[in-house]
Amino acid sequence: MYNRFTCTLGTFYYFVCRGIRAPKELLLTLIHRFIWPLHCGQLPIRVIMSEGEVFHEKQRLELCAIHALNNVLQEQVFTKETADDICKRLAPQCVVNPHRSMLGTGNYDVNVIMAALQSRELAAVWWDKRRTVQSLCVDKVQGFILNVPSRVSLGIVSLPVKRRHWLAVRQVNGHYYNLDSKLKSPVCIGNEADLRTFLSEQLSPDVAEMLLVVRRDVEEYGTWLNSDDLRK
């Protein structure tokens, strides 16, 4: 049975969610191919520079938070090593760090993203969904990081495992792009009006959330809101 499966994290989840003990060979191969290379910083990150020089990191394991950060900054700033260092600083006394996966494959939480942005003199503003996206002053926002539900699948089979996924959106050369690391390449959203429509659609499910990536002065004075909304 094991030989019929490609050794991926999805395969591992397949056994876990069904309460089946994973074969020893699968666990050893998983460690050899993914966990150990990640620990040593040897697992490469795929980067696509598409037409117009749009930086786009592709998905690796559960590193979507790192990909979202780098994609929204449009350069490879953060790595698994830097994210793990942030986790240790956030919870230095914890044996099992609450800000990442216990498997060491990533799955970083919002605290890691916020700390990472702070190290770049930026801030993450949590969007209040009671507001409409029309109240956004998008000229003051460097980018958007969304947290959305994500399916876990094994090939064409969807697994009953609830996961969360981080993705980035930002403007490059006058156009807004969806830089989701699960996409094969960046998807052009369009102009500012198209962006507002896209964000409204993404935030329509109650479970979706959004962070605004802004300069610290923009966070301090709240100028990421339109002036009329700022006075309310």
C-alpha atoms as a PDB file:
ATOM      1  CA  MET A   1       0.000   0.000   0.000  1.00  0.00           C
ATOM      2  CA  TYR A   2       2.777   2.437   0.913  1.00  0.00           C
ATOM      3  CA  ASN A   3       4.469   2.085  -2.481  1.00  0.00           C
ATOM      4  CA  ARG A   4       1.386   3.508  -4.195  1.00  0.00           C
ATOM      5  CA  PHE A   5       1.732   6.828  -2.437  1.00  0.00           C
ATOM      6  CA  THR A   6       4.065   9.705  -3.130  1.00  0.00           C
ATOM      7  CA  CYS A   7       5.792  10.551   0.111  1.00  0.00           C
ATOM      8  CA  THR A   8       4.377  13.975   0.993  1.00  0.00           C
ATOM      9  CA  LEU A   9       2.887  15.636   4.029  1.00  0.00           C
ATOM     10  CA  GLY A  10      -0.502  14.933   2.488  1.00  0.00           C
ATOM     11  CA  THR A  11       0.258  11.213   2.673  1.00  0.00           C
ATOM     12  CA  PHE A  12       1.140  11.580   6.326  1.00  0.00           C
ATOM     13  CA  TYR A  13      -2.112  13.471   7.032  1.00  0.00           C
ATOM     14  CA  TYR A  14      -4.001  10.696   5.216  1.00  0.00           C
ATOM     15  CA  PHE A  15      -2.915   8.201   7.843  1.00  0.00           C
ATOM     16  CA  VAL A  16      -3.228  10.585  10.786  1.00  0.00           C
ATOM     17  CA  CYS A  17      -6.787  11.760  10.086  1.00  0.00           C
ATOM     18  CA  ARG A  18      -7.931   8.142   9.782  1.00  0.00           C
ATOM     19  CA  GLY A  19      -6.281   7.061  12.988  1.00  0.00           C
ATOM     20  CA  ILE A  20      -3.942   4.709  11.131  1.00  0.00           C
ATOM     21  CA  ARG A  21      -0.359   4.298  12.250  1.00  0.00           C
ATOM     22  CA  ALA A  22       1.831   5.530   9.426  1.00  0.00           C
ATOM     23  CA  PRO A  23       4.266   2.945   8.030  1.00  0.00           C
ATOM     24  CA  LYS A  24       7.782   3.225   9.406  1.00  0.00           C
ATOM     25  CA  GLU A  25       9.137   3.599   5.871  1.00  0.00           C
ATOM     26  CA  LEU A  26       6.887   6.620   5.286  1.00  0.00           C
ATOM     27  CA  LEU A  27       8.025   8.342   8.471  1.00  0.00           C
ATOM     28  CA  LEU A  28      11.698   7.727   7.712  1.00  0.00           C
ATOM     29  CA  THR A  29      11.326   8.994   4.149  1.00  0.00           C
ATOM     30  CA  LEU A  30       9.389  12.040   5.359  1.00  0.00           C
ATOM     31  CA  ILE A  31      12.181  12.901   7.780  1.00  0.00           C
ATOM     32  CA  HIS A  32      14.871  12.278   5.166  1.00  0.00           C
ATOM     33  CA  ARG A  33      13.223  14.246   2.347  1.00  0.00           C
ATOM     34  CA  PHE A  34      11.557  17.099   4.202  1.00  0.00           C
ATOM     35  CA  ILE A  35      12.099  17.478   7.945  1.00  0.00           C
ATOM     36  CA  TRP A  36      15.883  17.116   8.044  1.00  0.00           C
ATOM     37  CA  PRO A  37      16.548  19.302   4.970  1.00  0.00           C
ATOM     38  CA  LEU A  38      14.296  21.968   6.491  1.00  0.00           C
ATOM     39  CA  HIS A  39      16.143  21.751   9.797  1.00  0.00           C
ATOM     40  CA  CYS A  40      19.454  22.196   7.987  1.00  0.00           C
ATOM     41  CA  GLY A  41      18.102  24.934   5.725  1.00  0.00           C
ATOM     42  CA  GLN A  42      18.702  22.789   2.640  1.00  0.00           C
ATOM     43  CA  LEU A  43      15.201  22.684   1.150  1.00  0.00           C
ATOM     44  CA  PRO A  44      15.127  25.137  -1.771  1.00  0.00           C
ATOM     45  CA  ILE A  45      12.446  27.775  -2.201  1.00  0.00           C
ATOM     46  CA  ARG A  46      11.014  28.129  -5.692  1.00  0.00           C
ATOM     47  CA  VAL A  47      10.839  31.708  -6.910  1.00  0.00           C
ATOM     48  CA  ILE A  48       9.197  32.840 -10.134  1.00  0.00           C
ATOM     49  CA  MET A  49      10.029  36.196 -11.693  1.00  0.00           C
ATOM     50  CA  SER A  50       7.198  36.641 -14.157  1.00  0.00           C
ATOM     51  CA  GLU A  51       6.633  39.246 -16.840  1.00  0.00           C
ATOM     52  CA  GLY A  52       7.131  42.697 -15.365  1.00  0.00           C
ATOM     53  CA  GLU A  53       9.489  41.278 -12.714  1.00  0.00           C
ATOM     54  CA  VAL A  54       6.844  40.205 -10.198  1.00  0.00           C
ATOM     55  CA  PHE A  55       8.471  38.278  -7.347  1.00  0.00           C
ATOM     56  CA  HIS A  56       6.517  35.137  -6.448  1.00  0.00           C
ATOM     57  CA  GLU A  57       7.626  32.412  -4.037  1.00  0.00           C
ATOM     58  CA  LYS A  58       5.966  29.042  -4.571  1.00  0.00           C
ATOM     59  CA  GLN A  59       4.591  26.861  -1.791  1.00  0.00           C
ATOM     60  CA  ARG A  60       6.858  24.541   0.202  1.00  0.00           C
ATOM     61  CA  LEU A  61       5.448  22.368   2.987  1.00  0.00           C
ATOM     62  CA  GLU A  62       3.699  24.618   5.550  1.00  0.00           C
ATOM     63  CA  LEU A  63       5.816  27.718   4.912  1.00  0.00           C
ATOM     64  CA  CYS A  64       2.985  29.885   3.558  1.00  0.00           C
ATOM     65  CA  ALA A  65       3.597  32.590   6.186  1.00  0.00           C
ATOM     66  CA  ILE A  66       7.192  32.988   4.974  1.00  0.00           C
ATOM     67  CA  HIS A  67       6.070  33.005   1.343  1.00  0.00           C
ATOM     68  CA  ALA A  68       3.383  35.611   2.089  1.00  0.00           C
ATOM     69  CA  LEU A  69       5.911  37.853   3.841  1.00  0.00           C
ATOM     70  CA  ASN A  70       8.457  37.634   1.041  1.00  0.00           C
ATOM     71  CA  ASN A  71       5.821  38.041  -1.658  1.00  0.00           C
ATOM     72  CA  VAL A  72       4.336  41.125  -0.026  1.00  0.00           C
ATOM     73  CA  LEU A  73       7.851  42.603   0.342  1.00  0.00           C
ATOM     74  CA  GLN A  74       8.768  41.507  -3.205  1.00  0.00           C
ATOM     75  CA  GLU A  75      12.088  40.009  -2.161  1.00  0.00           C
ATOM     76  CA  GLN A  76      13.395  36.952  -0.342  1.00  0.00           C
ATOM     77  CA  VAL A  77      13.879  38.482   3.099  1.00  0.00           C
ATOM     78  CA  PHE A  78      12.715  35.753   5.465  1.00  0.00           C
ATOM     79  CA  THR A  79      13.615  32.064   5.651  1.00  0.00           C
ATOM     80  CA  LYS A  80      12.544  29.165   7.805  1.00  0.00           C
ATOM     81  CA  GLU A  81      15.572  29.827   9.987  1.00  0.00           C
ATOM     82  CA  THR A  82      14.610  33.451  10.661  1.00  0.00           C
ATOM     83  CA  ALA A  83      10.989  32.461  11.327  1.00  0.00           C
ATOM     84  CA  ASP A  84      12.118  29.772  13.780  1.00  0.00           C
ATOM     85  CA  ASP A  85      14.325  32.323  15.544  1.00  0.00           C
ATOM     86  CA  ILE A  86      11.300  34.594  15.928  1.00  0.00           C
ATOM     87  CA  CYS A  87       9.314  31.687  17.392  1.00  0.00           C
ATOM     88  CA  LYS A  88      12.042  31.089  19.969  1.00  0.00           C
ATOM     89  CA  ARG A  89      12.087  34.755  20.957  1.00  0.00           C
ATOM     90  CA  LEU A  90       8.303  34.797  21.314  1.00  0.00           C
ATOM     91  CA  ALA A  91       8.226  31.693  23.524  1.00  0.00           C
ATOM     92  CA  PRO A  92      11.745  31.061  24.874  1.00  0.00           C
ATOM     93  CA  GLN A  93      10.644  28.826  27.740  1.00  0.00           C
ATOM     94  CA  CYS A  94       8.302  26.547  25.794  1.00  0.00           C
ATOM     95  CA  VAL A  95       9.375  23.006  24.971  1.00  0.00           C
ATOM     96  CA  VAL A  96       6.685  22.806  22.284  1.00  0.00           C
ATOM     97  CA  ASN A  97       6.571  26.201  20.597  1.00  0.00           C
ATOM     98  CA  PRO A  98       2.961  27.444  20.220  1.00  0.00           C
ATOM     99  CA  HIS A  99       3.768  29.642  17.220  1.00  0.00           C
ATOM    100  CA  ARG A 100       4.688  26.901  14.737  1.00  0.00           C
ATOM    101  CA  SER A 101       4.043  23.271  13.852  1.00  0.00           C
ATOM    102  CA  MET A 102       5.446  20.744  16.282  1.00  0.00           C
ATOM    103  CA  LEU A 103       6.669  18.797  13.217  1.00  0.00           C
ATOM    104  CA  GLY A 104       9.040  21.627  12.357  1.00  0.00           C
ATOM    105  CA  THR A 105       7.456  22.131   8.941  1.00  0.00           C
ATOM    106  CA  GLY A 106       6.248  25.694   9.454  1.00  0.00           C
ATOM    107  CA  ASN A 107       2.574  26.585   9.971  1.00  0.00           C
ATOM    108  CA  TYR A 108       3.580  29.881  11.642  1.00  0.00           C
ATOM    109  CA  ASP A 109       0.931  31.980  13.345  1.00  0.00           C
ATOM    110  CA  VAL A 110       0.105  35.682  13.111  1.00  0.00           C
ATOM    111  CA  ASN A 111       2.501  36.618  15.918  1.00  0.00           C
ATOM    112  CA  VAL A 112       5.436  35.493  13.777  1.00  0.00           C
ATOM    113  CA  ILE A 113       4.206  37.552  10.827  1.00  0.00           C
ATOM    114  CA  MET A 114       3.755  40.665  12.967  1.00  0.00           C
ATOM    115  CA  ALA A 115       7.196  40.295  14.573  1.00  0.00           C
ATOM    116  CA  ALA A 116       8.808  39.722  11.174  1.00  0.00           C
ATOM    117  CA  LEU A 117       7.267  42.908   9.770  1.00  0.00           C
ATOM    118  CA  GLN A 118       8.331  44.882  12.841  1.00  0.00           C
ATOM    119  CA  SER A 119      11.923  43.852  12.142  1.00  0.00           C
ATOM    120  CA  ARG A 120      11.559  45.660   8.801  1.00  0.00           C
ATOM    121  CA  GLU A 121      10.165  48.841  10.399  1.00  0.00           C
ATOM    122  CA  LEU A 122       6.684  47.886   9.204  1.00  0.00           C
ATOM    123  CA  ALA A 123       3.452  47.104  11.011  1.00  0.00           C
ATOM    124  CA  ALA A 124       0.548  44.728  10.522  1.00  0.00           C
ATOM    125  CA  VAL A 125      -2.889  46.258  11.107  1.00  0.00           C
ATOM    126  CA  TRP A 126      -5.678  43.763  11.691  1.00  0.00           C
ATOM    127  CA  TRP A 127      -8.600  44.725   9.459  1.00  0.00           C
ATOM    128  CA  ASP A 128     -11.933  45.216  11.215  1.00  0.00           C
ATOM    129  CA  LYS A 129     -14.424  43.448   8.945  1.00  0.00           C
ATOM    130  CA  ARG A 130     -17.233  45.610  10.245  1.00  0.00           C
ATOM    131  CA  ARG A 131     -15.811  48.262   7.925  1.00  0.00           C
ATOM    132  CA  THR A 132     -16.197  48.115   4.159  1.00  0.00           C
ATOM    133  CA  VAL A 133     -13.090  47.974   1.980  1.00  0.00           C
ATOM    134  CA  GLN A 134     -14.233  51.277   0.474  1.00  0.00           C
ATOM    135  CA  SER A 135     -12.923  52.956   3.635  1.00  0.00           C
ATOM    136  CA  LEU A 136      -9.376  51.799   2.865  1.00  0.00           C
ATOM    137  CA  CYS A 137      -6.814  54.371   1.776  1.00  0.00           C
ATOM    138  CA  VAL A 138      -4.958  51.894  -0.415  1.00  0.00           C
ATOM    139  CA  ASP A 139      -2.220  54.398  -1.289  1.00  0.00           C
ATOM    140  CA  LYS A 140      -1.025  54.115   2.321  1.00  0.00           C
ATOM    141  CA  VAL A 141      -0.972  50.305   2.310  1.00  0.00           C
ATOM    142  CA  GLN A 142       2.143  48.527   1.052  1.00  0.00           C
ATOM    143  CA  GLY A 143       0.406  45.187   0.797  1.00  0.00           C
ATOM    144  CA  PHE A 144      -2.181  42.810   2.175  1.00  0.00           C
ATOM    145  CA  ILE A 145      -1.754  39.452   3.899  1.00  0.00           C
ATOM    146  CA  LEU A 146      -4.895  37.337   4.059  1.00  0.00           C
ATOM    147  CA  ASN A 147      -5.589  34.297   6.209  1.00  0.00           C
ATOM    148  CA  VAL A 148      -8.081  31.965   4.561  1.00  0.00           C
ATOM    149  CA  PRO A 149      -9.342  28.386   4.999  1.00  0.00           C
ATOM    150  CA  SER A 150      -7.403  25.840   2.988  1.00  0.00           C
ATOM    151  CA  ARG A 151      -8.095  22.282   1.941  1.00  0.00           C
ATOM    152  CA  VAL A 152      -5.618  19.476   2.538  1.00  0.00           C
ATOM    153  CA  SER A 153      -5.636  16.964  -0.281  1.00  0.00           C
ATOM    154  CA  LEU A 154      -3.898  13.753  -1.246  1.00  0.00           C
ATOM    155  CA  GLY A 155      -3.797  13.863  -5.009  1.00  0.00           C
ATOM    156  CA  ILE A 156      -7.398  14.436  -6.076  1.00  0.00           C
ATOM    157  CA  VAL A 157      -8.777  13.312  -2.697  1.00  0.00           C
ATOM    158  CA  SER A 158      -9.645  16.057  -0.192  1.00  0.00           C
ATOM    159  CA  LEU A 159      -8.857  15.125   3.399  1.00  0.00           C
ATOM    160  CA  PRO A 160     -11.086  16.053   6.375  1.00  0.00           C
ATOM    161  CA  VAL A 161      -8.365  18.239   7.908  1.00  0.00           C
ATOM    162  CA  LYS A 162      -8.974  21.916   8.665  1.00  0.00           C
ATOM    163  CA  ARG A 163      -6.013  24.135   7.818  1.00  0.00           C
ATOM    164  CA  ARG A 164      -5.322  27.854   7.454  1.00  0.00           C
ATOM    165  CA  HIS A 165      -3.346  29.503   4.671  1.00  0.00           C
ATOM    166  CA  TRP A 166      -1.537  32.841   4.398  1.00  0.00           C
ATOM    167  CA  LEU A 167      -1.435  34.652   1.051  1.00  0.00           C
ATOM    168  CA  ALA A 168      -0.174  38.033  -0.123  1.00  0.00           C
ATOM    169  CA  VAL A 169      -1.631  40.736  -2.366  1.00  0.00           C
ATOM    170  CA  ARG A 170       0.177  43.893  -3.445  1.00  0.00           C
ATOM    171  CA  GLN A 171       0.702  46.404  -6.214  1.00  0.00           C
ATOM    172  CA  VAL A 172       3.540  45.941  -8.696  1.00  0.00           C
ATOM    173  CA  ASN A 173       4.097  48.330 -11.607  1.00  0.00           C
ATOM    174  CA  GLY A 174       0.659  49.887 -11.284  1.00  0.00           C
ATOM    175  CA  HIS A 175      -1.324  46.639 -11.080  1.00  0.00           C
ATOM    176  CA  TYR A 176      -2.472  44.616  -8.077  1.00  0.00           C
ATOM    177  CA  TYR A 177      -1.530  40.928  -7.969  1.00  0.00           C
ATOM    178  CA  ASN A 178      -2.689  37.862  -6.090  1.00  0.00           C
ATOM    179  CA  LEU A 179       0.633  36.368  -4.964  1.00  0.00           C
ATOM    180  CA  ASP A 180      -0.771  33.250  -3.305  1.00  0.00           C
ATOM    181  CA  SER A 181       2.137  30.800  -3.050  1.00  0.00           C
ATOM    182  CA  LYS A 182      -0.163  27.959  -4.124  1.00  0.00           C
ATOM    183  CA  LEU A 183      -0.682  29.578  -7.525  1.00  0.00           C
ATOM    184  CA  LYS A 184       1.506  28.525 -10.437  1.00  0.00           C
ATOM    185  CA  SER A 185       2.254  32.183 -11.147  1.00  0.00           C
ATOM    186  CA  PRO A 186       1.047  35.621  -9.988  1.00  0.00           C
ATOM    187  CA  VAL A 187      -2.514  36.481 -10.997  1.00  0.00           C
ATOM    188  CA  CYS A 188      -3.197  40.078 -11.998  1.00  0.00           C
ATOM    189  CA  ILE A 189      -6.207  41.432 -10.105  1.00  0.00           C
ATOM    190  CA  GLY A 190      -6.274  44.769 -11.906  1.00  0.00           C
ATOM    191  CA  ASN A 191      -6.695  48.350 -10.741  1.00  0.00           C
ATOM    192  CA  GLU A 192      -7.785  49.785  -7.400  1.00  0.00           C
ATOM    193  CA  ALA A 193     -11.477  49.145  -8.056  1.00  0.00           C
ATOM    194  CA  ASP A 194     -10.697  45.536  -8.967  1.00  0.00           C
ATOM    195  CA  LEU A 195      -8.654  45.211  -5.772  1.00  0.00           C
ATOM    196  CA  ARG A 196     -11.558  46.358  -3.603  1.00  0.00           C
ATOM    197  CA  THR A 197     -13.854  43.846  -5.308  1.00  0.00           C
ATOM    198  CA  PHE A 198     -11.300  41.068  -4.809  1.00  0.00           C
ATOM    199  CA  LEU A 199     -10.803  41.873  -1.120  1.00  0.00           C
ATOM    200  CA  SER A 200     -14.551  42.069  -0.518  1.00  0.00           C
ATOM    201  CA  GLU A 201     -14.988  38.628  -2.048  1.00  0.00           C
ATOM    202  CA  GLN A 202     -12.124  37.166  -0.039  1.00  0.00           C
ATOM    203  CA  LEU A 203     -13.451  38.579   3.228  1.00  0.00           C
ATOM    204  CA  SER A 204     -17.064  37.555   2.676  1.00  0.00           C
ATOM    205  CA  PRO A 205     -16.633  34.252   4.560  1.00  0.00           C
ATOM    206  CA  ASP A 206     -16.649  34.909   8.308  1.00  0.00           C
ATOM    207  CA  VAL A 207     -13.524  32.793   8.728  1.00  0.00           C
ATOM    208  CA  ALA A 208     -11.284  34.906   6.447  1.00  0.00           C
ATOM    209  CA  GLU A 209      -9.075  37.616   7.970  1.00  0.00           C
ATOM    210  CA  MET A 210      -6.803  40.351   6.595  1.00  0.00           C
ATOM    211  CA  LEU A 211      -3.682  42.198   7.714  1.00  0.00           C
ATOM    212  CA  LEU A 212      -2.669  45.546   6.235  1.00  0.00           C
ATOM    213  CA  VAL A 213       1.083  45.919   5.802  1.00  0.00           C
ATOM    214  CA  VAL A 214       1.907  49.573   6.450  1.00  0.00           C
ATOM    215  CA  ARG A 215       4.698  51.855   7.636  1.00  0.00           C
ATOM    216  CA  ARG A 216       4.795  52.459  11.378  1.00  0.00           C
ATOM    217  CA  ASP A 217       3.757  56.103  11.046  1.00  0.00           C
ATOM    218  CA  VAL A 218       0.728  55.031   9.007  1.00  0.00           C
ATOM    219  CA  GLU A 219      -0.217  52.613  11.787  1.00  0.00           C
ATOM    220  CA  GLU A 220       0.317  55.254  14.483  1.00  0.00           C
ATOM    221  CA  TYR A 221      -1.859  57.904  12.844  1.00  0.00           C
ATOM    222  CA  GLY A 222      -4.387  55.512  11.335  1.00  0.00           C
ATOM    223  CA  THR A 223      -3.977  56.994   7.874  1.00  0.00           C
ATOM    224  CA  TRP A 224      -4.661  53.628   6.259  1.00  0.00           C
ATOM    225  CA  LEU A 225      -8.279  54.768   6.531  1.00  0.00           C
ATOM    226  CA  ASN A 226      -9.792  57.402   4.266  1.00  0.00           C
ATOM    227  CA  SER A 227      -9.955  60.789   5.982  1.00  0.00           C
ATOM    228  CA  ASP A 228     -13.762  60.723   6.295  1.00  0.00           C
ATOM    229  CA  ASP A 229     -13.675  57.305   7.981  1.00  0.00           C
ATOM    230  CA  LEU A 230     -10.734  58.334  10.182  1.00  0.00           C
ATOM    231  CA  ARG A 231     -12.871  61.014  11.842  1.00  0.00           C
ATOM    232  CA  LYS A 232     -15.621  58.555  12.731  1.00  0.00           C
END
